[in-house]
Amino acid sequence: MKVPQYVKYYSTQLTYADNIGVNYTADGDLYAGKQYPKETDLLSAKAARITVTSDGYLEYYANTKVFSTIVDPKPTTSVKITKVTGPADGKTNLYTKQPVPNTIGKRISETGTAQYVTTIKRLYRTYATVTATARDKAETDSIDISAGYQVNGKSYFMYQAIFFPEG
């Protein structure tokens, strides 16, 4: 199966052996900030989110819950991607004819199908959020891994995996 060019800013195909205690969860969603929120913030944490759909739309959610099984009903902005360049040097440029918010892109042309560009840059950095067990704050329950990105020069992260260390 061929991976669409517009989702190549992250690895869409990755598996781990069943016995190593890790679940891979990367889905391409980018959240504003540096890393997955701490355990105390899980229910209240909100951030801007960017999603690139499998059918070629760039969706932006201005303020969405970071940890939620409920999908936002409607994005703040949803525009069709008309052109893609990259990934080169970790950068993927997504071009659209319709406007995107200034926080995630910029206008580069007054005419044509590539009037706006959103640059997603993979930083090749990994961040960890450690959660302690309820019974012993010195004991690690899980480690949430997120990958660092920049969108239009601002920090974003993608939730990547959760490890469950065995004691």
Protein backbone atom coordinates (compact mmCIF):
# COMPACT_ATOMS: atom_id res chain seq x y z
CA MET A 1 0.00 0.00 0.00
CA LYS A 2 1.40 3.38 -1.00
CA VAL A 3 1.52 6.09 1.69
CA PRO A 4 0.16 9.46 0.47
CA GLN A 5 2.84 12.16 0.17
CA TYR A 6 1.00 14.52 2.53
CA VAL A 7 1.27 12.16 5.52
CA LYS A 8 4.95 11.34 5.14
CA TYR A 9 5.92 13.77 7.91
CA TYR A 10 5.55 10.83 10.30
CA SER A 11 5.96 7.07 10.21
CA THR A 12 2.60 5.52 9.36
CA GLN A 13 3.79 1.94 9.53
CA LEU A 14 5.54 0.77 12.69
CA THR A 15 5.14 -2.35 14.78
CA TYR A 16 6.74 -3.66 17.96
CA ALA A 17 7.09 -7.20 19.22
CA ASP A 18 4.22 -8.18 21.53
CA ASN A 19 6.46 -8.91 24.50
CA ILE A 20 8.34 -5.60 24.89
CA GLY A 21 5.67 -3.67 26.80
CA VAL A 22 5.04 -0.82 24.36
CA ASN A 23 1.99 0.30 22.43
CA TYR A 24 2.53 2.38 19.30
CA THR A 25 -0.14 5.02 18.86
CA ALA A 26 1.13 7.70 16.44
CA ASP A 27 -1.74 8.86 14.27
CA GLY A 28 -0.39 12.05 12.70
CA ASP A 29 -2.20 14.43 15.06
CA LEU A 30 0.03 17.33 16.08
CA TYR A 31 -0.73 19.24 19.29
CA ALA A 32 0.62 22.67 20.22
CA GLY A 33 3.28 22.37 22.92
CA LYS A 34 6.46 20.46 23.64
CA GLN A 35 5.26 17.13 25.02
CA TYR A 36 2.41 14.99 26.28
CA PRO A 37 0.86 16.57 29.40
CA LYS A 38 1.56 15.33 32.90
CA GLU A 39 -0.84 12.92 34.58
CA THR A 40 -2.47 15.72 36.60
CA ASP A 41 -3.37 17.61 33.41
CA LEU A 42 -4.81 14.75 31.35
CA LEU A 43 -8.48 15.56 31.82
CA SER A 44 -8.14 19.31 31.47
CA ALA A 45 -5.29 19.70 28.95
CA LYS A 46 -6.32 21.54 25.80
CA ALA A 47 -4.26 22.68 22.83
CA ALA A 48 -4.45 23.56 19.18
CA ARG A 49 -4.39 20.45 16.99
CA ILE A 50 -3.49 19.81 13.37
CA THR A 51 -4.63 16.73 11.49
CA VAL A 52 -3.89 15.71 7.92
CA THR A 53 -6.66 13.37 6.78
CA SER A 54 -6.13 10.31 4.61
CA ASP A 55 -8.13 11.95 1.82
CA GLY A 56 -5.89 15.05 1.69
CA TYR A 57 -7.37 17.69 3.96
CA LEU A 58 -5.48 19.88 6.41
CA GLU A 59 -7.65 20.31 9.50
CA TYR A 60 -6.99 22.76 12.31
CA TYR A 61 -8.72 22.70 15.69
CA ALA A 62 -8.14 25.90 17.69
CA ASN A 63 -8.76 24.39 21.14
CA THR A 64 -9.26 20.67 21.63
CA LYS A 65 -8.73 18.19 24.44
CA VAL A 66 -5.34 16.51 24.21
CA PHE A 67 -6.47 13.30 25.88
CA SER A 68 -9.95 12.34 24.77
CA THR A 69 -11.67 9.45 23.10
CA ILE A 70 -14.35 11.84 21.86
CA VAL A 71 -13.56 13.18 18.41
CA ASP A 72 -14.16 16.88 17.85
CA PRO A 73 -17.24 17.21 15.68
CA LYS A 74 -15.97 19.97 13.42
CA PRO A 75 -12.56 21.53 12.82
CA THR A 76 -12.05 25.29 13.05
CA THR A 77 -10.57 25.14 9.53
CA SER A 78 -10.58 22.35 6.94
CA VAL A 79 -8.89 22.95 3.57
CA LYS A 80 -7.95 20.68 0.67
CA ILE A 81 -4.20 20.15 0.17
CA THR A 82 -3.35 21.01 -3.44
CA LYS A 83 0.42 20.38 -3.48
CA VAL A 84 3.06 18.77 -1.28
CA THR A 85 6.84 19.12 -1.23
CA GLY A 86 9.15 17.05 0.95
CA PRO A 87 9.85 15.52 3.23
CA ALA A 88 13.31 17.01 2.75
CA ASP A 89 15.53 17.91 5.70
CA GLY A 90 12.62 16.88 7.93
CA LYS A 91 10.30 19.48 6.35
CA THR A 92 7.02 18.81 4.60
CA ASN A 93 5.27 21.75 2.93
CA LEU A 94 1.52 21.48 2.50
CA TYR A 95 0.03 23.96 0.02
CA THR A 96 -3.61 24.98 -0.14
CA LYS A 97 -5.74 27.34 -2.19
CA GLN A 98 -7.98 28.24 0.76
CA PRO A 99 -6.68 30.27 3.70
CA VAL A 100 -5.19 28.66 6.80
CA PRO A 101 -4.86 30.36 10.21
CA ASN A 102 -1.72 32.51 10.56
CA THR A 103 -0.62 30.34 13.49
CA ILE A 104 -0.05 27.34 11.20
CA GLY A 105 0.71 28.84 7.80
CA LYS A 106 1.25 31.87 5.64
CA ARG A 107 0.12 33.28 2.34
CA ILE A 108 2.73 33.02 -0.40
CA SER A 109 0.74 33.89 -3.53
CA GLU A 110 -2.30 35.92 -4.57
CA THR A 111 -3.36 33.47 -7.30
CA GLY A 112 -3.24 29.79 -8.19
CA THR A 113 -3.84 26.59 -6.28
CA ALA A 114 -0.82 27.01 -3.95
CA GLN A 115 -1.61 30.32 -2.23
CA TYR A 116 -0.93 29.22 1.36
CA VAL A 117 1.79 27.00 2.82
CA THR A 118 1.96 25.13 6.11
CA THR A 119 5.42 23.82 6.92
CA ILE A 120 5.67 20.80 9.23
CA LYS A 121 9.23 20.21 10.39
CA ARG A 122 10.17 17.01 12.16
CA LEU A 123 12.73 17.78 14.87
CA TYR A 124 13.93 14.19 15.37
CA ARG A 125 13.63 14.72 19.13
CA THR A 126 11.75 12.54 21.53
CA TYR A 127 10.22 13.70 24.80
CA ALA A 128 9.09 11.54 27.73
CA THR A 129 6.37 12.16 30.30
CA VAL A 130 6.74 9.83 33.29
CA THR A 131 3.68 8.82 35.32
CA ALA A 132 4.09 7.42 38.83
CA THR A 133 1.96 4.66 40.32
CA ALA A 134 -0.88 5.65 42.64
CA ARG A 135 0.55 3.69 45.56
CA ASP A 136 4.20 4.83 45.29
CA LYS A 137 5.19 8.15 43.68
CA ALA A 138 8.79 6.88 43.31
CA GLU A 139 7.63 3.93 41.16
CA THR A 140 7.08 4.41 37.42
CA ASP A 141 3.70 3.29 36.09
CA SER A 142 4.13 4.37 32.48
CA ILE A 143 6.20 6.53 30.18
CA ASP A 144 4.43 8.46 27.44
CA ILE A 145 6.63 9.24 24.44
CA SER A 146 6.03 12.15 22.10
CA ALA A 147 7.96 13.33 19.06
CA GLY A 148 8.88 16.98 18.58
CA TYR A 149 7.75 18.97 15.54
CA GLN A 150 7.49 22.58 14.47
CA VAL A 151 4.58 23.99 12.52
CA ASN A 152 5.18 27.45 11.12
CA GLY A 153 8.08 27.75 13.59
CA LYS A 154 5.99 26.91 16.68
CA SER A 155 6.43 23.84 18.90
CA TYR A 156 4.10 20.89 18.37
CA PHE A 157 4.22 17.27 19.46
CA MET A 158 2.83 13.98 18.24
CA TYR A 159 1.91 11.34 20.78
CA GLN A 160 3.94 8.30 19.78
CA ALA A 161 3.86 5.47 22.27
CA ILE A 162 3.35 4.39 25.84
CA PHE A 163 5.78 2.10 27.68
CA PHE A 164 4.84 0.02 30.70
CA PRO A 165 8.09 -0.82 32.51
CA GLU A 166 8.16 -4.12 34.32
CA GLY A 167 9.55 -4.06 37.82
